[in-house]
């Protein structure tokens, strides 16, 4: 077996493994939605678009969408989302129904982002990122463009070569998300109040998570809260820069994973507190930056298992 063929098989298995990990997270999302509280509060979750600071067109769109859901029946729509989430979880875990169901997943998450996610807004003082469901949508695009159903899968579709420009597009989209995050980290409010985002994660946390976050806060206060804010802004800017230019990917991937894990376990409190009826498709249970890790893992499978000459010819290194 040639080295290039062996590398390609390793890449397919790596993509498949990341797809399955994404499926496990999606399965947890589905299980959490089976709680009756989720269905009961589904229509109320649309109020993310109505909070102060949202543009008038966003409020008008959400009122129209909420009215449509009301006419169809909030419980019926809520149960439909639970059913769809279950189907997507099975598709990700088994590879069956892909890539078609992955396209459904991408569009579904864009809908969640524009409704219960409020387009990630309002983008006023204190905003830090573009919301949660948008990164889920990108991961579904990674599922499609990496042809992840060709590895560790029950899907028997014939093998086809990866379309490199699609993988580059996914990387650039990921870089744009990081650039958007970085922009808000450079705002004076965040730089002066960065540690408060960790403090806000404490209420309702299990004792061990609260103790861990409190320890991190104590360390930050010793070093300097403002310095911590600048470090976060610089880190996110550096990650965005290298993702966008496609250079230094081999070392920026582990840096991005480590940074995302740090944010998830502190400012997002490991995704806790785990409240009845909450669902990770909004980011209020499992968190947001853990899904950034999934995107980094898809990128890692591409970078580490694709011949360097092939990626360099396309402008990556």
C-alpha atoms as a PDB file:
ATOM      1  CA  UNK A   1       0.000   0.000   0.000  1.00  0.00           C
ATOM      2  CA  UNK A   2       1.448   3.367  -0.992  1.00  0.00           C
ATOM      3  CA  UNK A   3       2.032   5.996   1.684  1.00  0.00           C
ATOM      4  CA  UNK A   4      -0.429   8.402   0.028  1.00  0.00           C
ATOM      5  CA  UNK A   5      -3.191   5.768   0.023  1.00  0.00           C
ATOM      6  CA  UNK A   6      -2.498   4.897   3.654  1.00  0.00           C
ATOM      7  CA  UNK A   7      -2.637   8.602   4.551  1.00  0.00           C
ATOM      8  CA  UNK A   8      -5.947   8.971   2.731  1.00  0.00           C
ATOM      9  CA  UNK A   9      -7.448   6.043   4.645  1.00  0.00           C
ATOM     10  CA  UNK A  10      -6.255   7.538   7.910  1.00  0.00           C
ATOM     11  CA  UNK A  11      -7.864  10.839   6.936  1.00  0.00           C
ATOM     12  CA  UNK A  12     -11.201   9.156   6.195  1.00  0.00           C
ATOM     13  CA  UNK A  13     -11.127   7.408   9.578  1.00  0.00           C
ATOM     14  CA  UNK A  14     -10.178  10.666  11.309  1.00  0.00           C
ATOM     15  CA  UNK A  15     -13.065  12.534   9.671  1.00  0.00           C
ATOM     16  CA  UNK A  16     -15.382   9.685  10.635  1.00  0.00           C
ATOM     17  CA  UNK A  17     -14.245   9.782  14.251  1.00  0.00           C
ATOM     18  CA  UNK A  18     -14.864  13.535  14.508  1.00  0.00           C
ATOM     19  CA  UNK A  19     -18.290  13.077  12.908  1.00  0.00           C
ATOM     20  CA  UNK A  20     -19.173  10.458  15.527  1.00  0.00           C
ATOM     21  CA  UNK A  21     -18.003  12.744  18.351  1.00  0.00           C
ATOM     22  CA  UNK A  22     -20.212  15.483  16.927  1.00  0.00           C
ATOM     23  CA  UNK A  23     -23.040  12.938  16.792  1.00  0.00           C
ATOM     24  CA  UNK A  24     -22.600  12.061  20.461  1.00  0.00           C
ATOM     25  CA  UNK A  25     -22.958  15.735  21.389  1.00  0.00           C
ATOM     26  CA  UNK A  26     -26.022  15.960  19.169  1.00  0.00           C
ATOM     27  CA  UNK A  27     -27.450  12.840  20.856  1.00  0.00           C
ATOM     28  CA  UNK A  28     -27.103  14.556  24.244  1.00  0.00           C
ATOM     29  CA  UNK A  29     -28.911  17.572  22.788  1.00  0.00           C
ATOM     30  CA  UNK A  30     -31.764  15.295  21.742  1.00  0.00           C
ATOM     31  CA  UNK A  31     -31.970  13.542  25.098  1.00  0.00           C
ATOM     32  CA  UNK A  32     -32.177  16.874  26.918  1.00  0.00           C
ATOM     33  CA  UNK A  33     -35.035  17.970  24.666  1.00  0.00           C
ATOM     34  CA  UNK A  34     -37.173  15.011  25.746  1.00  0.00           C
ATOM     35  CA  UNK A  35     -37.760  16.839  29.030  1.00  0.00           C
ATOM     36  CA  UNK A  36     -41.357  18.234  28.931  1.00  0.00           C
ATOM     37  CA  UNK A  37     -40.055  21.639  30.036  1.00  0.00           C
ATOM     38  CA  UNK A  38     -38.376  22.065  26.645  1.00  0.00           C
ATOM     39  CA  UNK A  39     -41.661  21.740  24.773  1.00  0.00           C
ATOM     40  CA  UNK A  40     -43.508  23.922  27.283  1.00  0.00           C
ATOM     41  CA  UNK A  41     -40.986  26.757  26.928  1.00  0.00           C
ATOM     42  CA  UNK A  42     -40.257  26.402  23.219  1.00  0.00           C
ATOM     43  CA  UNK A  43     -42.248  29.411  22.018  1.00  0.00           C
ATOM     44  CA  UNK A  44     -40.860  31.551  24.820  1.00  0.00           C
ATOM     45  CA  UNK A  45     -37.327  30.836  23.604  1.00  0.00           C
ATOM     46  CA  UNK A  46     -38.018  33.131  20.643  1.00  0.00           C
ATOM     47  CA  UNK A  47     -37.755  36.136  22.965  1.00  0.00           C
ATOM     48  CA  UNK A  48     -33.986  36.170  22.289  1.00  0.00           C
ATOM     49  CA  UNK A  49     -34.813  38.346  19.294  1.00  0.00           C
ATOM     50  CA  UNK A  50     -36.920  40.771  21.287  1.00  0.00           C
ATOM     51  CA  UNK A  51     -34.436  41.914  23.913  1.00  0.00           C
ATOM     52  CA  UNK A  52     -33.341  45.522  24.079  1.00  0.00           C
ATOM     53  CA  UNK A  53     -30.695  46.422  21.541  1.00  0.00           C
ATOM     54  CA  UNK A  54     -31.881  44.213  18.695  1.00  0.00           C
ATOM     55  CA  UNK A  55     -32.455  46.031  15.365  1.00  0.00           C
ATOM     56  CA  UNK A  56     -36.060  46.649  14.350  1.00  0.00           C
ATOM     57  CA  UNK A  57     -35.818  44.259  11.398  1.00  0.00           C
ATOM     58  CA  UNK A  58     -34.661  41.435  13.699  1.00  0.00           C
ATOM     59  CA  UNK A  59     -37.587  42.058  16.040  1.00  0.00           C
ATOM     60  CA  UNK A  60     -40.008  42.161  13.086  1.00  0.00           C
ATOM     61  CA  UNK A  61     -38.600  38.913  11.694  1.00  0.00           C
ATOM     62  CA  UNK A  62     -38.867  37.144  15.024  1.00  0.00           C
ATOM     63  CA  UNK A  63     -42.430  38.342  15.635  1.00  0.00           C
ATOM     64  CA  UNK A  64     -43.335  37.001  12.196  1.00  0.00           C
ATOM     65  CA  UNK A  65     -41.606  33.678  12.890  1.00  0.00           C
ATOM     66  CA  UNK A  66     -43.143  33.361  16.356  1.00  0.00           C
ATOM     67  CA  UNK A  67     -46.591  34.066  14.880  1.00  0.00           C
ATOM     68  CA  UNK A  68     -46.014  31.358  12.286  1.00  0.00           C
ATOM     69  CA  UNK A  69     -45.007  28.860  14.986  1.00  0.00           C
ATOM     70  CA  UNK A  70     -48.073  29.890  17.012  1.00  0.00           C
ATOM     71  CA  UNK A  71     -50.329  29.214  14.026  1.00  0.00           C
ATOM     72  CA  UNK A  72     -48.788  25.799  13.361  1.00  0.00           C
ATOM     73  CA  UNK A  73     -48.807  24.948  17.038  1.00  0.00           C
ATOM     74  CA  UNK A  74     -45.835  25.486  19.397  1.00  0.00           C
ATOM     75  CA  UNK A  75     -45.971  21.951  20.767  1.00  0.00           C
ATOM     76  CA  UNK A  76     -46.096  20.444  17.286  1.00  0.00           C
ATOM     77  CA  UNK A  77     -43.083  22.498  16.152  1.00  0.00           C
ATOM     78  CA  UNK A  78     -41.191  21.696  19.363  1.00  0.00           C
ATOM     79  CA  UNK A  79     -41.804  17.961  18.977  1.00  0.00           C
ATOM     80  CA  UNK A  80     -40.763  18.263  15.323  1.00  0.00           C
ATOM     81  CA  UNK A  81     -37.414  19.735  16.407  1.00  0.00           C
ATOM     82  CA  UNK A  82     -36.939  16.863  18.858  1.00  0.00           C
ATOM     83  CA  UNK A  83     -37.665  14.353  16.088  1.00  0.00           C
ATOM     84  CA  UNK A  84     -35.329  16.116  13.682  1.00  0.00           C
ATOM     85  CA  UNK A  85     -32.585  16.247  16.296  1.00  0.00           C
ATOM     86  CA  UNK A  86     -32.951  12.497  16.836  1.00  0.00           C
ATOM     87  CA  UNK A  87     -32.688  11.838  13.096  1.00  0.00           C
ATOM     88  CA  UNK A  88     -29.601  14.041  12.825  1.00  0.00           C
ATOM     89  CA  UNK A  89     -27.982  12.282  15.793  1.00  0.00           C
ATOM     90  CA  UNK A  90     -28.498   8.873  14.180  1.00  0.00           C
ATOM     91  CA  UNK A  91     -27.197  10.157  10.833  1.00  0.00           C
ATOM     92  CA  UNK A  92     -24.036  11.560  12.433  1.00  0.00           C
ATOM     93  CA  UNK A  93     -23.375   8.431  14.479  1.00  0.00           C
ATOM     94  CA  UNK A  94     -23.949   5.959  11.649  1.00  0.00           C
ATOM     95  CA  UNK A  95     -23.202   7.993   8.522  1.00  0.00           C
ATOM     96  CA  UNK A  96     -26.551   6.947   7.052  1.00  0.00           C
ATOM     97  CA  UNK A  97     -28.476   9.623   5.165  1.00  0.00           C
ATOM     98  CA  UNK A  98     -25.427  11.818   4.703  1.00  0.00           C
ATOM     99  CA  UNK A  99     -24.725  14.222   3.093  1.00  0.00           C
ATOM    100  CA  UNK A 100     -28.413  15.075   2.578  1.00  0.00           C
ATOM    101  CA  UNK A 101     -29.288  15.160   6.268  1.00  0.00           C
ATOM    102  CA  UNK A 102     -26.152  17.210   6.985  1.00  0.00           C
ATOM    103  CA  UNK A 103     -27.495  19.906   4.644  1.00  0.00           C
ATOM    104  CA  UNK A 104     -30.733  19.765   6.634  1.00  0.00           C
ATOM    105  CA  UNK A 105     -28.681  20.137   9.832  1.00  0.00           C
ATOM    106  CA  UNK A 106     -26.847  23.179   8.493  1.00  0.00           C
ATOM    107  CA  UNK A 107     -30.076  24.922   7.439  1.00  0.00           C
ATOM    108  CA  UNK A 108     -31.824  23.912  10.675  1.00  0.00           C
ATOM    109  CA  UNK A 109     -29.061  25.466  12.776  1.00  0.00           C
ATOM    110  CA  UNK A 110     -29.131  28.651  10.736  1.00  0.00           C
ATOM    111  CA  UNK A 111     -32.853  28.809  11.513  1.00  0.00           C
ATOM    112  CA  UNK A 112     -32.144  28.263  15.227  1.00  0.00           C
ATOM    113  CA  UNK A 113     -29.466  30.955  15.077  1.00  0.00           C
ATOM    114  CA  UNK A 114     -31.922  33.432  13.539  1.00  0.00           C
ATOM    115  CA  UNK A 115     -34.757  32.695  15.979  1.00  0.00           C
ATOM    116  CA  UNK A 116     -34.026  31.251  19.427  1.00  0.00           C
ATOM    117  CA  UNK A 117     -30.424  32.435  19.011  1.00  0.00           C
ATOM    118  CA  UNK A 118     -31.346  35.991  18.063  1.00  0.00           C
ATOM    119  CA  UNK A 119     -28.682  36.095  15.307  1.00  0.00           C
ATOM    120  CA  UNK A 120     -26.189  35.988  18.176  1.00  0.00           C
ATOM    121  CA  UNK A 121     -27.233  39.478  19.247  1.00  0.00           C
ATOM    122  CA  UNK A 122     -27.863  42.006  20.447  1.00  0.00           C
ATOM    123  CA  UNK A 123     -24.454  43.329  19.463  1.00  0.00           C
ATOM    124  CA  UNK A 124     -24.239  45.974  22.141  1.00  0.00           C
ATOM    125  CA  UNK A 125     -21.881  46.600  25.049  1.00  0.00           C
ATOM    126  CA  UNK A 126     -20.837  43.260  26.505  1.00  0.00           C
ATOM    127  CA  UNK A 127     -21.300  41.176  23.340  1.00  0.00           C
ATOM    128  CA  UNK A 128     -18.510  38.636  22.830  1.00  0.00           C
ATOM    129  CA  UNK A 129     -19.390  36.301  19.941  1.00  0.00           C
ATOM    130  CA  UNK A 130     -21.905  35.607  17.129  1.00  0.00           C
ATOM    131  CA  UNK A 131     -23.918  33.045  19.072  1.00  0.00           C
ATOM    132  CA  UNK A 132     -24.008  29.271  19.289  1.00  0.00           C
ATOM    133  CA  UNK A 133     -25.988  27.647  16.473  1.00  0.00           C
ATOM    134  CA  UNK A 134     -23.812  29.296  13.810  1.00  0.00           C
ATOM    135  CA  UNK A 135     -20.834  27.098  14.774  1.00  0.00           C
ATOM    136  CA  UNK A 136     -23.095  24.026  14.718  1.00  0.00           C
ATOM    137  CA  UNK A 137     -24.056  24.964  11.154  1.00  0.00           C
ATOM    138  CA  UNK A 138     -20.388  25.241  10.189  1.00  0.00           C
ATOM    139  CA  UNK A 139     -19.665  21.814  11.672  1.00  0.00           C
ATOM    140  CA  UNK A 140     -22.440  20.340   9.529  1.00  0.00           C
ATOM    141  CA  UNK A 141     -20.726  21.912   6.518  1.00  0.00           C
ATOM    142  CA  UNK A 142     -17.514  20.235   7.637  1.00  0.00           C
ATOM    143  CA  UNK A 143     -19.412  16.933   7.782  1.00  0.00           C
ATOM    144  CA  UNK A 144     -20.425  17.469   4.142  1.00  0.00           C
ATOM    145  CA  UNK A 145     -17.253  18.889   2.654  1.00  0.00           C
ATOM    146  CA  UNK A 146     -14.975  16.359   4.398  1.00  0.00           C
ATOM    147  CA  UNK A 147     -17.125  13.458   3.126  1.00  0.00           C
ATOM    148  CA  UNK A 148     -16.958  12.212   6.710  1.00  0.00           C
ATOM    149  CA  UNK A 149     -19.440   9.381   6.028  1.00  0.00           C
ATOM    150  CA  UNK A 150     -16.694   7.533   4.127  1.00  0.00           C
ATOM    151  CA  UNK A 151     -14.929   6.578   7.361  1.00  0.00           C
ATOM    152  CA  UNK A 152     -16.224   4.580  10.350  1.00  0.00           C
ATOM    153  CA  UNK A 153     -19.669   4.520   8.773  1.00  0.00           C
ATOM    154  CA  UNK A 154     -22.533   2.269   7.707  1.00  0.00           C
ATOM    155  CA  UNK A 155     -22.911   4.415   4.601  1.00  0.00           C
ATOM    156  CA  UNK A 156     -21.851   2.454   1.507  1.00  0.00           C
ATOM    157  CA  UNK A 157     -21.564   5.421  -0.871  1.00  0.00           C
ATOM    158  CA  UNK A 158     -18.656   5.153  -3.311  1.00  0.00           C
ATOM    159  CA  UNK A 159     -15.460   6.938  -2.386  1.00  0.00           C
ATOM    160  CA  UNK A 160     -14.782  10.260  -4.091  1.00  0.00           C
ATOM    161  CA  UNK A 161     -11.777  12.592  -3.750  1.00  0.00           C
ATOM    162  CA  UNK A 162     -12.166  15.554  -1.437  1.00  0.00           C
ATOM    163  CA  UNK A 163     -12.811  18.904  -3.088  1.00  0.00           C
ATOM    164  CA  UNK A 164      -9.990  20.985  -1.624  1.00  0.00           C
ATOM    165  CA  UNK A 165     -11.594  24.419  -2.277  1.00  0.00           C
ATOM    166  CA  UNK A 166     -14.544  23.385  -0.082  1.00  0.00           C
ATOM    167  CA  UNK A 167     -12.191  22.554   2.788  1.00  0.00           C
ATOM    168  CA  UNK A 168     -10.450  25.900   2.321  1.00  0.00           C
ATOM    169  CA  UNK A 169     -13.850  27.636   2.403  1.00  0.00           C
ATOM    170  CA  UNK A 170     -14.709  25.917   5.694  1.00  0.00           C
ATOM    171  CA  UNK A 171     -11.400  27.066   7.168  1.00  0.00           C
ATOM    172  CA  UNK A 172     -11.988  30.658   6.052  1.00  0.00           C
ATOM    173  CA  UNK A 173     -15.533  30.666   7.452  1.00  0.00           C
ATOM    174  CA  UNK A 174     -14.132  29.357  10.725  1.00  0.00           C
ATOM    175  CA  UNK A 175     -11.510  32.105  10.671  1.00  0.00           C
ATOM    176  CA  UNK A 176     -14.201  34.732  10.116  1.00  0.00           C
ATOM    177  CA  UNK A 177     -16.048  33.495  13.210  1.00  0.00           C
ATOM    178  CA  UNK A 178     -12.855  33.875  15.224  1.00  0.00           C
ATOM    179  CA  UNK A 179     -12.254  37.327  13.729  1.00  0.00           C
ATOM    180  CA  UNK A 180     -15.774  38.369  14.761  1.00  0.00           C
ATOM    181  CA  UNK A 181     -15.117  37.068  18.281  1.00  0.00           C
ATOM    182  CA  UNK A 182     -11.786  38.897  18.402  1.00  0.00           C
ATOM    183  CA  UNK A 183     -13.393  42.179  17.345  1.00  0.00           C
ATOM    184  CA  UNK A 184     -15.624  42.145  20.404  1.00  0.00           C
ATOM    185  CA  UNK A 185     -12.765  41.116  22.677  1.00  0.00           C
ATOM    186  CA  UNK A 186     -10.937  44.323  21.710  1.00  0.00           C
ATOM    187  CA  UNK A 187     -13.834  46.499  22.872  1.00  0.00           C
ATOM    188  CA  UNK A 188     -13.064  48.538  26.010  1.00  0.00           C
ATOM    189  CA  UNK A 189     -15.943  46.986  27.945  1.00  0.00           C
ATOM    190  CA  UNK A 190     -14.558  43.469  27.579  1.00  0.00           C
ATOM    191  CA  UNK A 191     -10.964  44.511  28.270  1.00  0.00           C
ATOM    192  CA  UNK A 192     -12.004  46.235  31.493  1.00  0.00           C
ATOM    193  CA  UNK A 193     -14.479  43.553  32.611  1.00  0.00           C
ATOM    194  CA  UNK A 194     -13.119  40.284  31.223  1.00  0.00           C
ATOM    195  CA  UNK A 195     -13.064  38.539  34.590  1.00  0.00           C
ATOM    196  CA  UNK A 196     -16.770  39.264  35.158  1.00  0.00           C
ATOM    197  CA  UNK A 197     -17.627  36.781  32.384  1.00  0.00           C
ATOM    198  CA  UNK A 198     -16.123  34.073  34.567  1.00  0.00           C
ATOM    199  CA  UNK A 199     -17.897  35.378  37.660  1.00  0.00           C
ATOM    200  CA  UNK A 200     -21.221  35.279  35.816  1.00  0.00           C
ATOM    201  CA  UNK A 201     -20.709  31.558  35.214  1.00  0.00           C
ATOM    202  CA  UNK A 202     -20.661  30.734  38.945  1.00  0.00           C
ATOM    203  CA  UNK A 203     -24.374  30.856  39.950  1.00  0.00           C
ATOM    204  CA  UNK A 204     -26.025  27.448  39.891  1.00  0.00           C
ATOM    205  CA  UNK A 205     -22.832  25.540  39.099  1.00  0.00           C
ATOM    206  CA  UNK A 206     -22.031  22.209  40.782  1.00  0.00           C
ATOM    207  CA  UNK A 207     -19.606  22.631  43.676  1.00  0.00           C
ATOM    208  CA  UNK A 208     -16.592  21.208  41.842  1.00  0.00           C
ATOM    209  CA  UNK A 209     -17.098  23.470  38.812  1.00  0.00           C
ATOM    210  CA  UNK A 210     -17.621  26.521  41.029  1.00  0.00           C
ATOM    211  CA  UNK A 211     -14.414  25.692  42.924  1.00  0.00           C
ATOM    212  CA  UNK A 212     -12.470  25.323  39.672  1.00  0.00           C
ATOM    213  CA  UNK A 213     -13.749  28.628  38.236  1.00  0.00           C
ATOM    214  CA  UNK A 214     -13.100  30.418  41.535  1.00  0.00           C
ATOM    215  CA  UNK A 215      -9.514  29.173  41.467  1.00  0.00           C
ATOM    216  CA  UNK A 216      -9.046  30.466  37.906  1.00  0.00           C
ATOM    217  CA  UNK A 217     -10.549  33.839  38.896  1.00  0.00           C
ATOM    218  CA  UNK A 218      -8.149  34.066  41.852  1.00  0.00           C
ATOM    219  CA  UNK A 219      -5.184  33.420  39.552  1.00  0.00           C
ATOM    220  CA  UNK A 220      -6.420  36.043  37.068  1.00  0.00           C
ATOM    221  CA  UNK A 221      -6.828  38.616  39.843  1.00  0.00           C
ATOM    222  CA  UNK A 222      -3.233  37.991  40.906  1.00  0.00           C
ATOM    223  CA  UNK A 223      -1.953  38.417  37.353  1.00  0.00           C
ATOM    224  CA  UNK A 224      -4.259  41.322  36.531  1.00  0.00           C
ATOM    225  CA  UNK A 225      -7.811  41.249  35.101  1.00  0.00           C
ATOM    226  CA  UNK A 226      -7.073  43.837  32.407  1.00  0.00           C
ATOM    227  CA  UNK A 227      -3.981  41.912  31.293  1.00  0.00           C
ATOM    228  CA  UNK A 228      -6.181  38.812  31.069  1.00  0.00           C
ATOM    229  CA  UNK A 229      -8.572  40.705  28.774  1.00  0.00           C
ATOM    230  CA  UNK A 230      -5.735  41.724  26.468  1.00  0.00           C
ATOM    231  CA  UNK A 231      -4.359  38.185  26.391  1.00  0.00           C
ATOM    232  CA  UNK A 232      -7.792  36.863  25.353  1.00  0.00           C
ATOM    233  CA  UNK A 233      -8.109  39.501  22.617  1.00  0.00           C
ATOM    234  CA  UNK A 234      -4.603  38.778  21.312  1.00  0.00           C
ATOM    235  CA  UNK A 235      -5.119  35.009  21.359  1.00  0.00           C
ATOM    236  CA  UNK A 236      -8.368  35.202  19.405  1.00  0.00           C
ATOM    237  CA  UNK A 237      -6.839  37.640  16.914  1.00  0.00           C
ATOM    238  CA  UNK A 238      -3.855  35.359  16.320  1.00  0.00           C
ATOM    239  CA  UNK A 239      -6.074  32.296  15.858  1.00  0.00           C
ATOM    240  CA  UNK A 240      -8.299  34.202  13.412  1.00  0.00           C
ATOM    241  CA  UNK A 241      -5.308  35.516  11.447  1.00  0.00           C
ATOM    242  CA  UNK A 242      -3.698  32.138  10.843  1.00  0.00           C
ATOM    243  CA  UNK A 243      -7.004  30.456  10.030  1.00  0.00           C
ATOM    244  CA  UNK A 244      -7.746  33.131   7.436  1.00  0.00           C
ATOM    245  CA  UNK A 245      -4.352  33.058   5.744  1.00  0.00           C
ATOM    246  CA  UNK A 246      -4.047  29.258   5.903  1.00  0.00           C
ATOM    247  CA  UNK A 247      -0.520  29.353   7.313  1.00  0.00           C
ATOM    248  CA  UNK A 248       0.874  27.843  10.497  1.00  0.00           C
ATOM    249  CA  UNK A 249      -2.137  25.555  10.770  1.00  0.00           C
ATOM    250  CA  UNK A 250      -0.212  22.658  12.294  1.00  0.00           C
ATOM    251  CA  UNK A 251       0.568  24.667  15.412  1.00  0.00           C
ATOM    252  CA  UNK A 252      -2.465  26.954  15.556  1.00  0.00           C
ATOM    253  CA  UNK A 253      -4.863  23.980  15.719  1.00  0.00           C
ATOM    254  CA  UNK A 254      -3.640  22.710  19.141  1.00  0.00           C
ATOM    255  CA  UNK A 255      -3.466  26.311  20.372  1.00  0.00           C
ATOM    256  CA  UNK A 256      -7.072  26.875  19.267  1.00  0.00           C
ATOM    257  CA  UNK A 257      -8.236  23.645  20.880  1.00  0.00           C
ATOM    258  CA  UNK A 258      -6.518  24.470  24.168  1.00  0.00           C
ATOM    259  CA  UNK A 259      -7.878  28.035  24.186  1.00  0.00           C
ATOM    260  CA  UNK A 260     -11.418  26.866  23.345  1.00  0.00           C
ATOM    261  CA  UNK A 261     -11.269  24.254  26.095  1.00  0.00           C
ATOM    262  CA  UNK A 262     -10.141  26.922  28.542  1.00  0.00           C
ATOM    263  CA  UNK A 263     -13.068  29.187  27.656  1.00  0.00           C
ATOM    264  CA  UNK A 264     -15.556  26.305  27.808  1.00  0.00           C
ATOM    265  CA  UNK A 265     -14.414  25.206  31.274  1.00  0.00           C
ATOM    266  CA  UNK A 266     -14.366  28.721  32.749  1.00  0.00           C
ATOM    267  CA  UNK A 267     -16.580  31.396  31.173  1.00  0.00           C
ATOM    268  CA  UNK A 268     -19.041  28.712  30.024  1.00  0.00           C
ATOM    269  CA  UNK A 269     -18.747  26.637  33.200  1.00  0.00           C
ATOM    270  CA  UNK A 270     -18.373  23.317  31.353  1.00  0.00           C
ATOM    271  CA  UNK A 271     -21.771  24.110  29.854  1.00  0.00           C
ATOM    272  CA  UNK A 272     -23.466  23.953  33.279  1.00  0.00           C
ATOM    273  CA  UNK A 273     -25.775  24.531  35.110  1.00  0.00           C
ATOM    274  CA  UNK A 274     -27.764  21.703  33.576  1.00  0.00           C
ATOM    275  CA  UNK A 275     -31.323  22.964  33.905  1.00  0.00           C
ATOM    276  CA  UNK A 276     -34.448  20.925  33.015  1.00  0.00           C
ATOM    277  CA  UNK A 277     -35.548  21.437  29.428  1.00  0.00           C
ATOM    278  CA  UNK A 278     -32.427  23.305  28.388  1.00  0.00           C
ATOM    279  CA  UNK A 279     -30.861  22.417  25.080  1.00  0.00           C
ATOM    280  CA  UNK A 280     -27.394  22.777  23.672  1.00  0.00           C
ATOM    281  CA  UNK A 281     -28.664  24.074  20.338  1.00  0.00           C
ATOM    282  CA  UNK A 282     -28.786  27.455  22.092  1.00  0.00           C
ATOM    283  CA  UNK A 283     -25.619  26.881  24.044  1.00  0.00           C
ATOM    284  CA  UNK A 284     -27.198  26.924  27.488  1.00  0.00           C
ATOM    285  CA  UNK A 285     -26.290  23.346  28.419  1.00  0.00           C
ATOM    286  CA  UNK A 286     -23.245  21.970  26.657  1.00  0.00           C
ATOM    287  CA  UNK A 287     -21.784  25.335  25.778  1.00  0.00           C
ATOM    288  CA  UNK A 288     -20.447  26.913  22.608  1.00  0.00           C
ATOM    289  CA  UNK A 289     -16.664  26.698  22.455  1.00  0.00           C
ATOM    290  CA  UNK A 290     -16.753  22.908  22.809  1.00  0.00           C
ATOM    291  CA  UNK A 291     -18.269  22.948  19.302  1.00  0.00           C
ATOM    292  CA  UNK A 292     -15.381  25.162  18.192  1.00  0.00           C
ATOM    293  CA  UNK A 293     -13.195  22.231  19.276  1.00  0.00           C
ATOM    294  CA  UNK A 294     -15.167  19.945  16.940  1.00  0.00           C
ATOM    295  CA  UNK A 295     -14.478  22.346  14.056  1.00  0.00           C
ATOM    296  CA  UNK A 296     -10.780  22.371  14.964  1.00  0.00           C
ATOM    297  CA  UNK A 297     -10.763  18.559  14.945  1.00  0.00           C
ATOM    298  CA  UNK A 298     -12.264  18.487  11.452  1.00  0.00           C
ATOM    299  CA  UNK A 299      -9.569  20.937  10.380  1.00  0.00           C
ATOM    300  CA  UNK A 300      -6.903  18.798  12.088  1.00  0.00           C
ATOM    301  CA  UNK A 301      -8.006  15.693  10.166  1.00  0.00           C
ATOM    302  CA  UNK A 302      -7.582  17.662   6.946  1.00  0.00           C
ATOM    303  CA  UNK A 303      -4.254  19.270   7.823  1.00  0.00           C
ATOM    304  CA  UNK A 304      -2.482  16.321   9.466  1.00  0.00           C
ATOM    305  CA  UNK A 305      -3.623  13.646   6.995  1.00  0.00           C
ATOM    306  CA  UNK A 306      -3.324  15.498   3.693  1.00  0.00           C
ATOM    307  CA  UNK A 307       0.032  15.542   1.861  1.00  0.00           C
ATOM    308  CA  UNK A 308       1.785  18.813   2.579  1.00  0.00           C
ATOM    309  CA  UNK A 309       2.556  19.376  -1.103  1.00  0.00           C
ATOM    310  CA  UNK A 310      -1.138  19.194  -1.968  1.00  0.00           C
ATOM    311  CA  UNK A 311      -2.106  21.734   0.682  1.00  0.00           C
ATOM    312  CA  UNK A 312       0.796  24.051  -0.158  1.00  0.00           C
ATOM    313  CA  UNK A 313      -0.262  24.051  -3.802  1.00  0.00           C
ATOM    314  CA  UNK A 314      -3.610  25.369  -2.613  1.00  0.00           C
ATOM    315  CA  UNK A 315      -2.025  28.051  -0.411  1.00  0.00           C
ATOM    316  CA  UNK A 316      -2.094  26.259   2.956  1.00  0.00           C
ATOM    317  CA  UNK A 317       0.831  25.329   5.135  1.00  0.00           C
END
